[in-house]
Amino acid sequence: MAEIATTTRVARVDMTPMVDLGFLLITFFMFTTTFSSPNMMKLNMPDIIDRNKTIIPEIGESNSINLILGKDDRIFWHQKNYKDLNTAQLIEVNYGVSLRQIILQKRKLAKKSENFTVIIRATDDSNYKNAVDALDEMAITSQERYVLADITPKEKQVYEAKIKL
């Protein structure tokens, strides 16, 4: 018997349509995906003041509260003059509802509640999260007047004495 010679062809798959489909899918998902937008906190800044024509309100002890951000997520507050401050007057409070209640209560008791100011002072021991938490409390309590300031030497001395107790 004679053998019949057949030529076998190797099946070859053309990948060009698959690549086109891949790029179409990538393009589709890129256009239909919503990218996360950065979350920013609104920061209220005062207008430019002409010191000769504008009366700048004074901030007294009863019209302000000082928050001192410490280490290990601790926060202290006082409402005293720096010269008279001692460890008994530096009161520790928790972030959240406790801090909120103090801010609202002190604003309600202020002589001029529209001028009530919260002064936030961070120690070297505090972290960024503590500052953000304090600023969140300003937003939650609708406190429009607040200041981020450096801690005074007297406050630092009293704070260090307080955390040693």
N, C-alpha and C. Protein backbone atom coordinates (compact mmCIF):
# COMPACT_ATOMS: atom_id res chain seq x y z
N MET A 1 0.81 -1.16 0.00
CA MET A 1 0.00 0.00 0.00
C MET A 1 0.87 1.24 0.00
N ALA A 2 0.42 2.14 -0.68
CA ALA A 2 1.18 3.36 -0.78
C ALA A 2 0.73 4.34 0.30
N GLU A 3 1.72 5.04 0.78
CA GLU A 3 1.39 6.02 1.82
C GLU A 3 1.04 7.34 1.17
N ILE A 4 0.07 7.96 1.73
CA ILE A 4 -0.34 9.26 1.21
C ILE A 4 0.33 10.31 2.09
N ALA A 5 1.07 11.13 1.44
CA ALA A 5 1.76 12.17 2.19
C ALA A 5 0.81 13.36 2.37
N THR A 6 0.58 13.67 3.60
CA THR A 6 -0.27 14.83 3.90
C THR A 6 0.58 15.87 4.63
N THR A 7 0.35 17.03 4.28
CA THR A 7 1.06 18.09 4.98
C THR A 7 0.19 18.57 6.13
N THR A 8 0.72 18.52 7.29
CA THR A 8 -0.04 18.99 8.47
C THR A 8 0.32 20.45 8.74
N ARG A 9 -0.69 21.19 8.93
CA ARG A 9 -0.47 22.59 9.23
C ARG A 9 -0.63 22.81 10.73
N VAL A 10 0.26 23.60 11.26
CA VAL A 10 0.20 23.94 12.68
C VAL A 10 -0.83 25.06 12.84
N ALA A 11 -1.75 24.83 13.76
CA ALA A 11 -2.78 25.84 13.99
C ALA A 11 -2.15 27.03 14.70
N ARG A 12 -2.33 28.19 14.18
CA ARG A 12 -1.75 29.41 14.73
C ARG A 12 -2.90 30.35 15.11
N VAL A 13 -2.83 30.84 16.36
CA VAL A 13 -3.88 31.73 16.85
C VAL A 13 -3.39 33.16 16.70
N ASP A 14 -4.19 33.97 16.08
CA ASP A 14 -3.85 35.38 15.91
C ASP A 14 -4.29 36.13 17.16
N MET A 15 -3.35 36.76 17.88
CA MET A 15 -3.63 37.45 19.16
C MET A 15 -3.98 38.93 18.98
N THR A 16 -3.96 39.43 17.79
CA THR A 16 -4.24 40.85 17.56
C THR A 16 -5.62 41.26 18.07
N PRO A 17 -6.67 40.52 17.79
CA PRO A 17 -7.98 40.93 18.34
C PRO A 17 -8.01 40.89 19.87
N MET A 18 -7.27 39.96 20.49
CA MET A 18 -7.24 39.86 21.95
C MET A 18 -6.55 41.10 22.55
N VAL A 19 -5.48 41.54 21.94
CA VAL A 19 -4.79 42.74 22.41
C VAL A 19 -5.70 43.95 22.26
N ASP A 20 -6.40 44.05 21.16
CA ASP A 20 -7.34 45.16 20.96
C ASP A 20 -8.42 45.15 22.04
N LEU A 21 -8.93 43.96 22.34
CA LEU A 21 -9.96 43.84 23.37
C LEU A 21 -9.40 44.24 24.74
N GLY A 22 -8.17 43.85 25.03
CA GLY A 22 -7.54 44.23 26.31
C GLY A 22 -7.43 45.73 26.47
N PHE A 23 -6.97 46.40 25.41
CA PHE A 23 -6.85 47.86 25.48
C PHE A 23 -8.21 48.53 25.57
N LEU A 24 -9.22 47.97 24.92
CA LEU A 24 -10.57 48.53 25.04
C LEU A 24 -11.08 48.40 26.47
N LEU A 25 -10.84 47.25 27.10
CA LEU A 25 -11.29 47.07 28.49
C LEU A 25 -10.54 48.01 29.44
N ILE A 26 -9.24 48.13 29.26
CA ILE A 26 -8.47 49.04 30.11
C ILE A 26 -8.98 50.46 29.95
N THR A 27 -9.21 50.90 28.73
CA THR A 27 -9.72 52.24 28.48
C THR A 27 -11.09 52.44 29.10
N PHE A 28 -11.95 51.42 28.96
CA PHE A 28 -13.30 51.51 29.53
C PHE A 28 -13.24 51.69 31.05
N PHE A 29 -12.43 50.88 31.73
CA PHE A 29 -12.36 50.96 33.18
C PHE A 29 -11.67 52.23 33.66
N MET A 30 -10.74 52.75 32.91
CA MET A 30 -10.08 54.00 33.29
C MET A 30 -11.06 55.17 33.21
N PHE A 31 -11.92 55.19 32.20
CA PHE A 31 -12.87 56.28 32.05
C PHE A 31 -14.08 56.17 32.98
N THR A 32 -14.43 54.97 33.38
CA THR A 32 -15.61 54.81 34.24
C THR A 32 -15.28 54.79 35.72
N THR A 33 -14.01 54.72 36.07
CA THR A 33 -13.62 54.70 37.47
C THR A 33 -13.55 56.12 38.00
N THR A 34 -14.05 56.31 39.20
CA THR A 34 -13.92 57.62 39.84
C THR A 34 -12.69 57.57 40.73
N PHE A 35 -11.80 58.50 40.52
CA PHE A 35 -10.60 58.56 41.32
C PHE A 35 -10.93 59.26 42.63
N SER A 36 -10.27 58.85 43.69
CA SER A 36 -10.55 59.48 44.99
C SER A 36 -9.98 60.89 45.00
N SER A 37 -10.80 61.79 45.44
CA SER A 37 -10.36 63.18 45.53
C SER A 37 -9.74 63.40 46.90
N PRO A 38 -8.76 64.28 47.01
CA PRO A 38 -8.13 64.50 48.31
C PRO A 38 -9.11 65.16 49.27
N ASN A 39 -9.07 64.72 50.52
CA ASN A 39 -9.92 65.29 51.55
C ASN A 39 -9.16 66.42 52.22
N MET A 40 -9.74 67.61 52.20
CA MET A 40 -9.09 68.75 52.81
C MET A 40 -10.02 69.38 53.83
N MET A 41 -9.42 69.87 54.88
CA MET A 41 -10.17 70.55 55.91
C MET A 41 -10.15 72.04 55.60
N LYS A 42 -11.27 72.70 55.76
CA LYS A 42 -11.34 74.13 55.50
C LYS A 42 -10.65 74.86 56.65
N LEU A 43 -9.81 75.78 56.29
CA LEU A 43 -9.09 76.57 57.28
C LEU A 43 -9.55 78.01 57.17
N ASN A 44 -10.12 78.53 58.24
CA ASN A 44 -10.60 79.91 58.24
C ASN A 44 -9.43 80.84 58.51
N MET A 45 -9.21 81.76 57.63
CA MET A 45 -8.13 82.72 57.80
C MET A 45 -8.73 84.12 57.91
N PRO A 46 -8.15 84.97 58.76
CA PRO A 46 -8.70 86.32 58.90
C PRO A 46 -8.38 87.16 57.66
N ASP A 47 -9.20 88.17 57.45
CA ASP A 47 -8.95 89.11 56.38
C ASP A 47 -7.74 89.96 56.74
N ILE A 48 -7.18 90.62 55.76
CA ILE A 48 -6.07 91.52 56.03
C ILE A 48 -6.59 92.70 56.84
N ILE A 49 -5.91 92.97 57.94
CA ILE A 49 -6.39 94.00 58.87
C ILE A 49 -5.54 95.25 58.73
N ASP A 50 -6.21 96.37 58.56
CA ASP A 50 -5.53 97.65 58.61
C ASP A 50 -5.56 98.07 60.08
N ARG A 51 -4.44 97.97 60.74
CA ARG A 51 -4.39 98.18 62.20
C ARG A 51 -4.77 99.60 62.60
N ASN A 52 -4.72 100.53 61.72
CA ASN A 52 -5.06 101.92 62.06
C ASN A 52 -6.57 102.15 62.06
N LYS A 53 -7.31 101.36 61.29
CA LYS A 53 -8.75 101.60 61.14
C LYS A 53 -9.62 100.56 61.82
N THR A 54 -9.07 99.40 62.14
CA THR A 54 -9.88 98.30 62.67
C THR A 54 -9.56 98.07 64.14
N ILE A 55 -10.60 97.84 64.89
CA ILE A 55 -10.43 97.52 66.30
C ILE A 55 -10.27 96.00 66.41
N ILE A 56 -9.13 95.58 66.93
CA ILE A 56 -8.86 94.15 67.09
C ILE A 56 -9.38 93.73 68.45
N PRO A 57 -10.27 92.74 68.50
CA PRO A 57 -10.82 92.33 69.79
C PRO A 57 -9.75 91.70 70.68
N GLU A 58 -9.80 92.06 71.95
CA GLU A 58 -8.86 91.48 72.90
C GLU A 58 -9.40 90.14 73.37
N ILE A 59 -8.47 89.24 73.61
CA ILE A 59 -8.85 87.91 74.07
C ILE A 59 -8.42 87.79 75.52
N GLY A 60 -9.40 87.76 76.41
CA GLY A 60 -9.11 87.63 77.83
C GLY A 60 -9.19 86.18 78.27
N GLU A 61 -8.96 85.97 79.57
CA GLU A 61 -8.99 84.61 80.11
C GLU A 61 -10.36 83.97 79.94
N SER A 62 -11.42 84.74 80.17
CA SER A 62 -12.76 84.16 80.08
C SER A 62 -13.22 84.00 78.64
N ASN A 63 -12.54 84.66 77.70
CA ASN A 63 -12.91 84.57 76.29
C ASN A 63 -12.05 83.60 75.51
N SER A 64 -11.25 82.81 76.21
CA SER A 64 -10.39 81.86 75.50
C SER A 64 -10.19 80.61 76.34
N ILE A 65 -9.76 79.57 75.67
CA ILE A 65 -9.38 78.33 76.34
C ILE A 65 -8.11 77.83 75.65
N ASN A 66 -7.17 77.36 76.44
CA ASN A 66 -5.90 76.85 75.92
C ASN A 66 -5.92 75.34 75.96
N LEU A 67 -5.64 74.72 74.81
CA LEU A 67 -5.52 73.26 74.74
C LEU A 67 -4.05 72.92 74.54
N ILE A 68 -3.54 72.01 75.36
CA ILE A 68 -2.15 71.58 75.24
C ILE A 68 -2.16 70.12 74.83
N LEU A 69 -1.60 69.85 73.65
CA LEU A 69 -1.55 68.50 73.12
C LEU A 69 -0.28 67.83 73.62
N GLY A 70 -0.44 66.71 74.32
CA GLY A 70 0.71 66.04 74.92
C GLY A 70 0.99 64.69 74.29
N LYS A 71 1.88 63.94 74.93
CA LYS A 71 2.25 62.63 74.39
C LYS A 71 1.21 61.59 74.75
N ASP A 72 1.25 60.47 74.05
CA ASP A 72 0.34 59.34 74.26
C ASP A 72 -1.12 59.75 74.12
N ASP A 73 -1.41 60.63 73.16
CA ASP A 73 -2.78 61.09 72.86
C ASP A 73 -3.47 61.72 74.06
N ARG A 74 -2.71 62.42 74.87
CA ARG A 74 -3.27 63.13 76.02
C ARG A 74 -3.47 64.59 75.65
N ILE A 75 -4.52 65.18 76.20
CA ILE A 75 -4.79 66.60 75.95
C ILE A 75 -5.19 67.25 77.28
N PHE A 76 -4.67 68.45 77.50
CA PHE A 76 -4.93 69.20 78.72
C PHE A 76 -5.50 70.56 78.32
N TRP A 77 -6.23 71.16 79.23
CA TRP A 77 -6.77 72.48 78.98
C TRP A 77 -6.65 73.34 80.22
N HIS A 78 -6.60 74.65 80.01
CA HIS A 78 -6.63 75.60 81.12
C HIS A 78 -7.20 76.91 80.60
N GLN A 79 -7.60 77.73 81.55
CA GLN A 79 -8.18 79.02 81.21
C GLN A 79 -7.57 80.10 82.10
N LYS A 80 -6.29 79.94 82.41
CA LYS A 80 -5.61 80.85 83.33
C LYS A 80 -4.55 81.67 82.62
N ASN A 81 -4.12 82.72 83.29
CA ASN A 81 -3.00 83.51 82.84
C ASN A 81 -1.73 82.66 82.98
N TYR A 82 -0.77 82.87 82.11
CA TYR A 82 0.42 82.03 82.13
C TYR A 82 1.21 82.17 83.42
N LYS A 83 1.21 83.35 83.98
CA LYS A 83 1.98 83.59 85.22
C LYS A 83 1.39 82.83 86.39
N ASP A 84 0.07 82.68 86.42
CA ASP A 84 -0.60 82.05 87.55
C ASP A 84 -0.84 80.55 87.36
N LEU A 85 -0.41 79.98 86.25
CA LEU A 85 -0.71 78.58 85.93
C LEU A 85 0.09 77.63 86.81
N ASN A 86 -0.60 76.61 87.34
CA ASN A 86 0.07 75.55 88.09
C ASN A 86 -0.53 74.20 87.69
N THR A 87 0.02 73.12 88.22
CA THR A 87 -0.41 71.78 87.79
C THR A 87 -1.86 71.49 88.15
N ALA A 88 -2.37 72.10 89.20
CA ALA A 88 -3.77 71.86 89.59
C ALA A 88 -4.74 72.47 88.59
N GLN A 89 -4.31 73.53 87.91
CA GLN A 89 -5.19 74.21 86.95
C GLN A 89 -5.10 73.62 85.55
N LEU A 90 -4.12 72.77 85.30
CA LEU A 90 -3.98 72.11 84.01
C LEU A 90 -4.77 70.81 84.08
N ILE A 91 -5.90 70.76 83.41
CA ILE A 91 -6.86 69.66 83.56
C ILE A 91 -6.80 68.77 82.32
N GLU A 92 -6.69 67.45 82.56
CA GLU A 92 -6.66 66.50 81.45
C GLU A 92 -8.07 66.13 81.04
N VAL A 93 -8.27 65.98 79.73
CA VAL A 93 -9.57 65.62 79.18
C VAL A 93 -9.33 64.66 78.03
N ASN A 94 -10.34 63.92 77.65
CA ASN A 94 -10.23 63.01 76.52
C ASN A 94 -10.70 63.70 75.25
N TYR A 95 -10.16 63.24 74.11
CA TYR A 95 -10.66 63.73 72.83
C TYR A 95 -12.09 63.24 72.65
N GLY A 96 -12.85 63.93 71.85
CA GLY A 96 -14.22 63.49 71.54
C GLY A 96 -15.22 64.27 72.34
N VAL A 97 -16.19 63.55 72.90
CA VAL A 97 -17.33 64.18 73.56
C VAL A 97 -16.90 65.05 74.74
N SER A 98 -15.94 64.59 75.53
CA SER A 98 -15.50 65.37 76.70
C SER A 98 -14.93 66.72 76.29
N LEU A 99 -14.06 66.71 75.31
CA LEU A 99 -13.46 67.96 74.83
C LEU A 99 -14.53 68.86 74.21
N ARG A 100 -15.43 68.27 73.47
CA ARG A 100 -16.52 69.02 72.84
C ARG A 100 -17.36 69.74 73.89
N GLN A 101 -17.71 69.03 74.95
CA GLN A 101 -18.54 69.62 76.00
C GLN A 101 -17.84 70.79 76.68
N ILE A 102 -16.54 70.65 76.90
CA ILE A 102 -15.79 71.73 77.55
C ILE A 102 -15.75 72.96 76.65
N ILE A 103 -15.49 72.77 75.36
CA ILE A 103 -15.43 73.90 74.44
C ILE A 103 -16.78 74.60 74.37
N LEU A 104 -17.85 73.83 74.25
CA LEU A 104 -19.20 74.42 74.18
C LEU A 104 -19.57 75.12 75.48
N GLN A 105 -19.23 74.51 76.61
CA GLN A 105 -19.55 75.10 77.91
C GLN A 105 -18.78 76.40 78.12
N LYS A 106 -17.50 76.41 77.83
CA LYS A 106 -16.69 77.61 78.03
C LYS A 106 -17.09 78.73 77.06
N ARG A 107 -17.49 78.37 75.85
CA ARG A 107 -17.96 79.38 74.89
C ARG A 107 -19.27 80.00 75.39
N LYS A 108 -20.12 79.18 75.98
CA LYS A 108 -21.40 79.67 76.50
C LYS A 108 -21.18 80.61 77.69
N LEU A 109 -20.15 80.34 78.49
CA LEU A 109 -19.87 81.16 79.67
C LEU A 109 -19.00 82.38 79.36
N ALA A 110 -18.51 82.51 78.15
CA ALA A 110 -17.62 83.61 77.78
C ALA A 110 -18.36 84.94 77.82
N LYS A 111 -17.60 86.01 78.11
CA LYS A 111 -18.20 87.35 78.15
C LYS A 111 -18.73 87.75 76.78
N LYS A 112 -17.93 87.52 75.75
CA LYS A 112 -18.35 87.77 74.37
C LYS A 112 -18.17 86.47 73.60
N SER A 113 -19.22 85.71 73.45
CA SER A 113 -19.10 84.40 72.82
C SER A 113 -18.68 84.49 71.35
N GLU A 114 -18.96 85.63 70.71
CA GLU A 114 -18.54 85.78 69.30
C GLU A 114 -17.03 85.95 69.19
N ASN A 115 -16.36 86.35 70.28
CA ASN A 115 -14.90 86.50 70.28
C ASN A 115 -14.20 85.33 70.97
N PHE A 116 -14.93 84.33 71.39
CA PHE A 116 -14.34 83.19 72.09
C PHE A 116 -13.32 82.50 71.17
N THR A 117 -12.12 82.28 71.68
CA THR A 117 -11.03 81.73 70.88
C THR A 117 -10.44 80.51 71.57
N VAL A 118 -10.18 79.47 70.79
CA VAL A 118 -9.50 78.28 71.28
C VAL A 118 -8.06 78.36 70.81
N ILE A 119 -7.12 78.26 71.76
CA ILE A 119 -5.70 78.32 71.45
C ILE A 119 -5.14 76.91 71.59
N ILE A 120 -4.71 76.35 70.48
CA ILE A 120 -4.19 74.98 70.45
C ILE A 120 -2.68 75.04 70.45
N ARG A 121 -2.08 74.42 71.47
CA ARG A 121 -0.62 74.44 71.60
C ARG A 121 -0.13 72.99 71.65
N ALA A 122 0.75 72.65 70.74
CA ALA A 122 1.27 71.29 70.66
C ALA A 122 2.65 71.23 71.30
N THR A 123 2.87 70.21 72.11
CA THR A 123 4.20 69.98 72.68
C THR A 123 5.03 69.18 71.67
N ASP A 124 6.31 69.04 71.98
CA ASP A 124 7.18 68.23 71.11
C ASP A 124 6.80 66.76 71.19
N ASP A 125 6.10 66.35 72.26
CA ASP A 125 5.71 64.95 72.44
C ASP A 125 4.47 64.57 71.66
N SER A 126 3.69 65.55 71.22
CA SER A 126 2.45 65.24 70.51
C SER A 126 2.75 64.86 69.07
N ASN A 127 1.74 64.31 68.41
CA ASN A 127 1.92 63.90 67.01
C ASN A 127 0.90 64.61 66.12
N TYR A 128 1.03 64.37 64.84
CA TYR A 128 0.17 65.02 63.85
C TYR A 128 -1.29 64.65 64.04
N LYS A 129 -1.56 63.41 64.41
CA LYS A 129 -2.93 62.93 64.63
C LYS A 129 -3.63 63.76 65.70
N ASN A 130 -2.88 64.12 66.77
CA ASN A 130 -3.47 64.93 67.83
C ASN A 130 -3.91 66.30 67.32
N ALA A 131 -3.09 66.91 66.48
CA ALA A 131 -3.45 68.22 65.92
C ALA A 131 -4.67 68.10 65.02
N VAL A 132 -4.74 67.05 64.22
CA VAL A 132 -5.90 66.84 63.34
C VAL A 132 -7.16 66.60 64.18
N ASP A 133 -7.03 65.81 65.25
CA ASP A 133 -8.18 65.56 66.12
C ASP A 133 -8.68 66.86 66.76
N ALA A 134 -7.75 67.71 67.20
CA ALA A 134 -8.15 68.99 67.79
C ALA A 134 -8.84 69.88 66.76
N LEU A 135 -8.32 69.90 65.53
CA LEU A 135 -8.96 70.69 64.48
C LEU A 135 -10.32 70.12 64.10
N ASP A 136 -10.46 68.80 64.16
CA ASP A 136 -11.77 68.19 63.92
C ASP A 136 -12.79 68.66 64.95
N GLU A 137 -12.35 68.78 66.20
CA GLU A 137 -13.26 69.26 67.25
C GLU A 137 -13.69 70.70 66.98
N MET A 138 -12.80 71.49 66.40
CA MET A 138 -13.17 72.87 66.05
C MET A 138 -14.28 72.86 64.99
N ALA A 139 -14.17 71.95 64.03
CA ALA A 139 -15.19 71.85 62.98
C ALA A 139 -16.50 71.31 63.55
N ILE A 140 -16.42 70.32 64.43
CA ILE A 140 -17.63 69.71 64.99
C ILE A 140 -18.39 70.70 65.87
N THR A 141 -17.65 71.49 66.67
CA THR A 141 -18.31 72.45 67.56
C THR A 141 -18.61 73.78 66.89
N SER A 142 -18.33 73.88 65.59
CA SER A 142 -18.53 75.12 64.82
C SER A 142 -17.76 76.28 65.44
N GLN A 143 -16.59 75.99 65.96
CA GLN A 143 -15.72 77.02 66.54
C GLN A 143 -14.96 77.69 65.41
N GLU A 144 -15.29 78.94 65.14
CA GLU A 144 -14.68 79.64 64.01
C GLU A 144 -13.38 80.32 64.37
N ARG A 145 -13.18 80.64 65.63
CA ARG A 145 -11.97 81.34 66.05
C ARG A 145 -11.09 80.39 66.84
N TYR A 146 -9.99 79.98 66.20
CA TYR A 146 -9.01 79.15 66.88
C TYR A 146 -7.63 79.46 66.33
N VAL A 147 -6.63 79.14 67.12
CA VAL A 147 -5.25 79.49 66.77
C VAL A 147 -4.37 78.28 67.05
N LEU A 148 -3.45 77.99 66.14
CA LEU A 148 -2.39 77.02 66.38
C LEU A 148 -1.17 77.82 66.78
N ALA A 149 -0.72 77.66 68.02
CA ALA A 149 0.37 78.48 68.54
C ALA A 149 1.43 77.61 69.21
N ASP A 150 2.59 78.19 69.40
CA ASP A 150 3.67 77.51 70.11
C ASP A 150 3.38 77.51 71.60
N ILE A 151 3.85 76.48 72.26
CA ILE A 151 3.66 76.38 73.71
C ILE A 151 4.62 77.34 74.40
N THR A 152 4.14 78.02 75.43
CA THR A 152 4.99 78.97 76.16
C THR A 152 5.89 78.20 77.13
N PRO A 153 7.02 78.78 77.51
CA PRO A 153 7.91 78.08 78.46
C PRO A 153 7.23 77.72 79.77
N LYS A 154 6.38 78.63 80.29
CA LYS A 154 5.68 78.35 81.55
C LYS A 154 4.72 77.17 81.38
N GLU A 155 3.98 77.15 80.27
CA GLU A 155 3.06 76.03 80.02
C GLU A 155 3.82 74.73 79.87
N LYS A 156 4.95 74.78 79.20
CA LYS A 156 5.76 73.57 79.03
C LYS A 156 6.26 73.07 80.37
N GLN A 157 6.67 73.97 81.23
CA GLN A 157 7.15 73.60 82.56
C GLN A 157 6.02 72.95 83.38
N VAL A 158 4.85 73.55 83.36
CA VAL A 158 3.71 73.01 84.11
C VAL A 158 3.26 71.68 83.50
N TYR A 159 3.26 71.57 82.16
CA TYR A 159 2.89 70.32 81.48
C TYR A 159 3.83 69.19 81.89
N GLU A 160 5.14 69.45 81.87
CA GLU A 160 6.11 68.40 82.23
C GLU A 160 5.96 67.98 83.68
N ALA A 161 5.66 68.95 84.56
CA ALA A 161 5.41 68.61 85.97
C ALA A 161 4.13 67.79 86.11
N LYS A 162 3.14 68.10 85.30
CA LYS A 162 1.85 67.39 85.37
C LYS A 162 1.98 65.93 84.91
N ILE A 163 2.72 65.67 83.84
CA ILE A 163 2.81 64.29 83.34
C ILE A 163 3.70 63.43 84.23
N LYS A 164 4.53 64.06 85.09
CA LYS A 164 5.35 63.29 86.03
C LYS A 164 4.54 62.81 87.22
N LEU A 165 3.40 63.47 87.49
CA LEU A 165 2.55 63.09 88.64
C LEU A 165 1.95 61.72 88.48
